[in-house]
Protein backbone atom coordinates (compact mmCIF):
# COMPACT_ATOMS: atom_id res chain seq x y z
CA MET A 1 -7.54 -0.70 -45.72
CA LEU A 2 -9.01 0.74 -42.65
CA GLU A 3 -6.63 1.55 -39.57
CA HIS A 4 -8.66 -1.13 -37.49
CA ASN A 5 -7.39 -3.79 -39.71
CA ARG A 6 -3.90 -3.37 -38.97
CA PRO A 7 -2.34 -6.08 -37.11
CA LEU A 8 -0.56 -3.91 -34.54
CA ASP A 9 -2.64 -2.80 -31.69
CA THR A 10 -0.96 0.54 -30.39
CA ARG A 11 -3.16 1.53 -27.63
CA LEU A 12 -0.98 0.10 -24.73
CA PRO A 13 1.47 2.82 -23.92
CA VAL A 14 -1.49 5.54 -23.83
CA MET A 15 -3.33 3.27 -21.39
CA LEU A 16 -0.28 2.98 -19.14
CA ARG A 17 0.26 6.72 -19.21
CA SER A 18 -3.53 7.39 -18.38
CA GLY A 19 -3.15 7.20 -14.75
CA GLU A 20 -6.14 4.85 -14.55
CA ARG A 21 -6.02 1.46 -12.94
CA LEU A 22 -5.51 -1.42 -15.42
CA ARG A 23 -6.36 -4.89 -14.80
CA GLY A 24 -4.74 -7.79 -16.92
CA ILE A 25 -3.93 -11.55 -16.89
CA PHE A 26 -0.91 -13.74 -17.32
CA ASN A 27 -1.48 -16.75 -19.66
CA GLY A 28 1.15 -19.26 -20.11
CA LEU A 29 -1.27 -22.01 -21.81
CA PRO A 30 -0.78 -22.18 -25.46
CA SER A 31 -4.32 -21.43 -26.58
CA PRO A 32 -5.76 -18.82 -28.71
CA ALA A 33 -9.21 -19.54 -27.35
CA ILE A 34 -8.19 -18.61 -23.80
CA VAL A 35 -6.60 -15.34 -25.12
CA GLU A 36 -10.00 -14.50 -26.80
CA MET A 37 -11.85 -15.47 -23.58
CA CYS A 38 -9.63 -12.99 -21.66
CA GLY A 39 -10.64 -10.31 -24.25
CA TYR A 40 -14.24 -11.08 -24.17
CA ALA A 41 -14.20 -11.30 -20.31
CA GLY A 42 -13.01 -7.62 -20.21
CA PHE A 43 -9.54 -7.64 -19.23
CA ASP A 44 -7.61 -4.51 -20.17
CA PHE A 45 -4.59 -6.55 -21.37
CA VAL A 46 -3.20 -10.10 -21.62
CA VAL A 47 0.39 -11.14 -20.90
CA LEU A 48 1.38 -14.31 -23.09
CA ASP A 49 4.06 -15.90 -20.75
CA ASN A 50 6.98 -17.01 -22.92
CA GLU A 51 9.27 -17.32 -19.92
CA HIS A 52 7.24 -19.97 -17.86
CA GLY A 53 4.57 -20.74 -20.53
CA SER A 54 4.95 -23.75 -23.05
CA SER A 55 4.06 -21.81 -26.34
CA ASP A 56 6.53 -21.78 -29.28
CA LEU A 57 6.63 -18.73 -31.45
CA GLN A 58 4.28 -20.02 -34.04
CA VAL A 59 1.61 -20.48 -31.28
CA THR A 60 2.41 -17.18 -29.86
CA GLU A 61 1.69 -15.57 -33.20
CA HIS A 62 -1.60 -17.21 -33.46
CA MET A 63 -2.51 -16.04 -29.89
CA LEU A 64 -1.48 -12.43 -30.93
CA ARG A 65 -4.04 -12.96 -33.85
CA ALA A 66 -6.63 -13.91 -31.23
CA ALA A 67 -5.86 -10.89 -29.03
CA ARG A 68 -6.29 -8.66 -32.03
CA ALA A 69 -9.50 -10.18 -32.98
CA SER A 70 -10.97 -9.97 -29.54
CA ALA A 71 -9.76 -6.37 -29.00
CA ILE A 72 -7.43 -6.91 -26.04
CA PRO A 73 -3.78 -5.52 -26.18
CA ALA A 74 -1.26 -8.43 -25.90
CA ILE A 75 2.15 -8.17 -24.17
CA VAL A 76 4.72 -11.06 -24.38
CA ARG A 77 6.89 -11.83 -21.49
CA CYS A 78 9.96 -13.01 -23.22
CA PHE A 79 13.65 -13.25 -23.03
CA GLU A 80 15.76 -10.46 -24.46
CA ALA A 81 16.96 -12.65 -27.33
CA ASP A 82 13.36 -13.11 -28.44
CA ILE A 83 12.35 -9.41 -28.38
CA ALA A 84 12.93 -8.63 -32.17
CA ARG A 85 10.85 -11.63 -33.28
CA ILE A 86 8.02 -11.11 -30.78
CA LEU A 87 7.68 -7.53 -31.77
CA ASP A 88 7.72 -8.48 -35.66
CA MET A 89 4.66 -10.81 -34.71
CA GLY A 90 2.73 -7.95 -33.67
CA ALA A 91 2.83 -7.77 -29.82
CA SER A 92 1.50 -4.70 -28.29
CA GLY A 93 4.40 -4.81 -25.82
CA VAL A 94 7.18 -6.91 -24.17
CA LYS A 95 7.71 -7.55 -20.67
CA VAL A 96 11.27 -8.61 -19.72
CA PRO A 97 12.24 -10.45 -16.64
CA MET A 98 15.11 -9.78 -14.19
CA VAL A 99 15.99 -6.22 -15.01
CA ASN A 100 18.30 -5.00 -12.32
CA THR A 101 19.60 -1.62 -13.23
CA ALA A 102 18.67 1.43 -15.30
CA ALA A 103 21.66 0.59 -17.71
CA GLN A 104 19.90 -2.67 -18.49
CA ALA A 105 16.57 -0.93 -18.98
CA ARG A 106 18.17 1.61 -21.45
CA ALA A 107 19.56 -1.20 -23.34
CA LEU A 108 16.14 -2.75 -23.75
CA VAL A 109 14.77 0.51 -25.02
CA GLN A 110 17.21 0.38 -27.83
CA ARG A 111 15.90 -3.09 -28.71
CA VAL A 112 12.36 -2.10 -28.63
CA ARG A 113 12.60 1.07 -30.67
CA TYR A 114 13.50 1.65 -34.40
CA PRO A 115 15.99 4.25 -35.26
CA SER A 116 14.74 7.78 -35.50
CA PRO A 117 14.65 9.69 -38.71
CA ALA A 118 17.55 12.19 -39.20
CA GLY A 119 17.29 15.18 -36.84
CA GLN A 120 14.99 13.34 -34.29
CA SER A 121 16.17 11.88 -31.02
CA GLY A 122 15.10 9.11 -28.87
CA GLY A 123 15.19 6.09 -31.52
CA GLY A 124 16.80 2.75 -30.82
CA GLN A 125 18.47 -0.02 -32.63
CA ARG A 126 15.57 -2.37 -33.57
CA GLY A 127 16.19 -4.09 -37.06
CA VAL A 128 13.75 -2.93 -39.70
CA ALA A 129 11.73 -5.29 -41.83
CA PHE A 130 8.29 -4.68 -43.36
CA SER A 131 7.59 -8.26 -44.28
CA SER A 132 6.52 -9.07 -40.77
CA ARG A 133 3.05 -9.69 -39.46
CA ALA A 134 3.37 -6.40 -37.55
CA ALA A 135 3.64 -4.56 -40.57
CA GLY A 136 0.84 -6.45 -42.27
CA TYR A 137 3.46 -8.29 -44.44
CA GLY A 138 4.26 -5.10 -46.20
CA ALA A 139 0.80 -3.68 -46.36
CA PHE A 140 1.48 -1.20 -43.65
CA GLY A 141 5.28 -0.88 -44.03
CA GLY A 142 7.43 2.34 -44.40
CA SER A 143 7.94 5.18 -42.19
CA SER A 144 4.30 5.15 -40.83
CA HIS A 145 4.97 1.64 -39.38
CA THR A 146 8.35 2.49 -37.77
CA ALA A 147 6.72 5.72 -36.27
CA SER A 148 3.47 3.92 -34.89
CA SER A 149 5.60 1.12 -33.64
CA ASN A 150 7.97 3.62 -31.69
CA GLU A 151 4.89 5.43 -30.35
CA GLY A 152 2.60 2.43 -29.73
CA VAL A 153 4.63 -0.57 -28.53
CA ALA A 154 5.09 -0.73 -24.87
CA LEU A 155 8.16 -1.80 -22.92
CA ILE A 156 7.53 -3.26 -19.30
CA VAL A 157 10.41 -4.20 -17.23
CA MET A 158 10.30 -6.66 -14.38
CA LEU A 159 12.08 -6.13 -11.04
CA GLU A 160 12.64 -9.46 -9.18
CA THR A 161 15.50 -9.03 -6.96
CA PRO A 162 16.46 -6.69 -3.95
CA GLN A 163 18.98 -4.90 -6.14
CA ALA A 164 16.36 -4.14 -8.73
CA LEU A 165 13.92 -2.84 -6.29
CA GLU A 166 16.57 -0.42 -4.78
CA ASN A 167 16.84 0.95 -8.19
CA ALA A 168 13.29 1.13 -8.90
CA ALA A 169 12.98 4.95 -9.14
CA GLU A 170 15.95 5.19 -11.64
CA ILE A 171 14.68 2.39 -13.79
CA ALA A 172 11.22 3.90 -13.92
CA GLY A 173 12.62 7.09 -14.91
CA VAL A 174 14.33 5.79 -18.07
CA PRO A 175 12.75 7.38 -21.16
CA GLY A 176 10.98 4.62 -23.14
CA VAL A 177 10.12 2.42 -20.05
CA ASP A 178 6.43 2.34 -19.96
CA ALA A 179 5.80 0.38 -16.71
CA VAL A 180 7.69 -1.25 -13.99
CA PHE A 181 6.34 -4.59 -12.74
CA ILE A 182 7.51 -6.09 -9.65
CA GLY A 183 7.68 -9.98 -9.58
CA PRO A 184 6.89 -10.95 -6.01
CA ASN A 185 7.68 -14.77 -6.30
CA ASP A 186 11.29 -14.45 -7.33
CA LEU A 187 11.74 -11.47 -5.12
CA SER A 188 10.72 -13.46 -2.05
CA HIS A 189 12.91 -16.46 -3.07
CA SER A 190 15.85 -14.20 -3.57
CA MET A 191 15.45 -12.62 -0.05
CA GLY A 192 15.20 -16.24 1.44
CA TYR A 193 11.57 -16.33 2.15
CA GLY A 194 10.67 -19.06 -0.66
CA PRO A 195 7.22 -18.32 -2.07
CA ASP A 196 5.90 -16.37 0.94
CA TRP A 197 5.86 -12.82 -0.55
CA SER A 198 3.43 -11.92 2.19
CA ALA A 199 6.44 -12.01 4.60
CA PRO A 200 6.68 -8.33 6.43
CA ALA A 201 10.24 -7.84 5.08
CA VAL A 202 9.22 -8.60 1.47
CA GLN A 203 6.23 -6.39 1.68
CA ARG A 204 8.23 -3.55 2.95
CA LEU A 205 10.49 -3.67 0.12
CA ILE A 206 7.61 -3.83 -2.38
CA GLU A 207 5.92 -0.86 -0.76
CA ARG A 208 9.03 1.34 -0.92
CA ALA A 209 9.71 0.39 -4.53
CA LEU A 210 6.07 1.10 -5.64
CA ARG A 211 6.12 4.45 -3.92
CA ALA A 212 9.60 5.26 -5.64
CA ILE A 213 8.29 4.15 -9.00
CA SER A 214 5.08 6.46 -8.60
CA GLY A 215 7.21 9.21 -7.24
CA ALA A 216 9.34 9.04 -10.39
CA GLY A 217 6.30 9.46 -12.64
CA GLY A 218 6.36 5.72 -13.57
CA CYS A 219 3.50 3.20 -13.87
CA GLY A 220 3.95 0.56 -11.28
CA GLY A 221 2.65 -2.96 -11.46
CA MET A 222 1.92 -6.05 -9.19
CA LEU A 223 0.32 -9.44 -9.19
CA ALA A 224 -2.87 -9.02 -7.45
CA MET A 225 -4.79 -12.44 -6.67
CA SER A 226 -7.56 -10.81 -4.86
CA GLU A 227 -9.34 -7.38 -4.36
CA GLU A 228 -7.44 -6.91 -1.17
CA GLU A 229 -4.20 -7.36 -2.67
CA GLU A 230 -5.16 -4.94 -5.41
CA GLU A 231 -6.29 -2.36 -3.10
CA ARG A 232 -3.21 -2.66 -0.81
CA TYR A 233 -0.87 -2.22 -3.75
CA ALA A 234 -2.98 0.60 -5.27
CA ALA A 235 -2.57 2.46 -2.00
CA TRP A 236 1.19 2.28 -2.46
CA GLY A 237 1.15 3.56 -6.12
CA ALA A 238 0.58 0.66 -8.20
CA ARG A 239 -1.98 0.88 -11.06
CA TYR A 240 -1.09 -1.96 -13.43
CA PHE A 241 -2.30 -5.32 -11.95
CA ALA A 242 -2.29 -8.79 -13.25
CA THR A 243 -3.73 -12.14 -12.04
CA VAL A 244 -2.95 -15.61 -13.52
CA SER A 245 -5.24 -17.53 -15.92
CA THR A 246 -4.23 -20.96 -14.46
CA ALA A 247 -4.86 -19.97 -10.81
CA LEU A 248 -8.40 -18.67 -11.98
CA ILE A 249 -9.06 -22.01 -13.90
CA MET A 250 -7.73 -24.28 -11.02
CA ARG A 251 -9.85 -22.33 -8.55
CA ALA A 252 -13.08 -22.83 -10.55
CA PHE A 253 -12.23 -26.35 -11.35
CA GLY A 254 -11.53 -27.05 -7.46
CA GLU A 255 -14.97 -25.52 -6.73
CA ALA A 256 -16.74 -27.56 -9.43
CA ALA A 257 -14.94 -30.67 -8.17
CA SER A 258 -15.94 -30.00 -4.65
CA HIS A 259 -19.54 -29.39 -5.56
CA ALA A 260 -19.56 -32.64 -7.61
CA CYS A 261 -18.09 -34.51 -4.66
CA ARG A 262 -20.92 -33.20 -2.41
CA LYS A 263 -23.60 -34.20 -5.00
CA LEU A 264 -22.35 -37.67 -5.23
CA ALA A 265 -22.29 -38.11 -1.40
CA TYR A 266 -25.94 -37.65 -1.40
């Protein structure tokens, strides 16, 4: 079978190391069709949101199939307990919320990486099974699968508290952490500003953390709901940006509803 038929898309770590600006989208809706649309629209990646979204694991697997079919790398935002099953489904990467310390990040690397062969360093403690979708149900099992997974599956950690942002450089420097994403909504709430992450104190902390991540050689990420926000965060060192599917859909629906109401008024 040809390489492009493999279920596991291993392009993401190279993309995150490229230095290029990447644009993706969070999707919490349980819809393979929306994932396909994200791919066909030209996003660099899609984040399937299993922290705040409503998909169960079976639907998540179908969305991963849709991502592979539409050639878009798929990251799954998930809790630590779900990492093994999500990776066995064939996710291109996992995005783990509420990482506060480098020690937590190192422990996550162990969960994401398979053990290395004898004489090699840098492996982890991920359980090995070749009956999973990621290994083609055995069609692509063996040492080639464990090696390509260790090299081609990304770990993205989310920093969402002041403590986490103070530790940003150390977390970014952990071997095996491919990107560091700042969650501004939880950060602003934890700082007492509610949903107002535009508050100057919140933005100052974000700027300091993004510059620290970049200075440590890491790939920093942020929500960017507008071109203006993307440019601001890019100037601070970020190059991994994400918007949100429901925000785009609701904006389009609101505009359509407004036009319909004006038309009816005539």
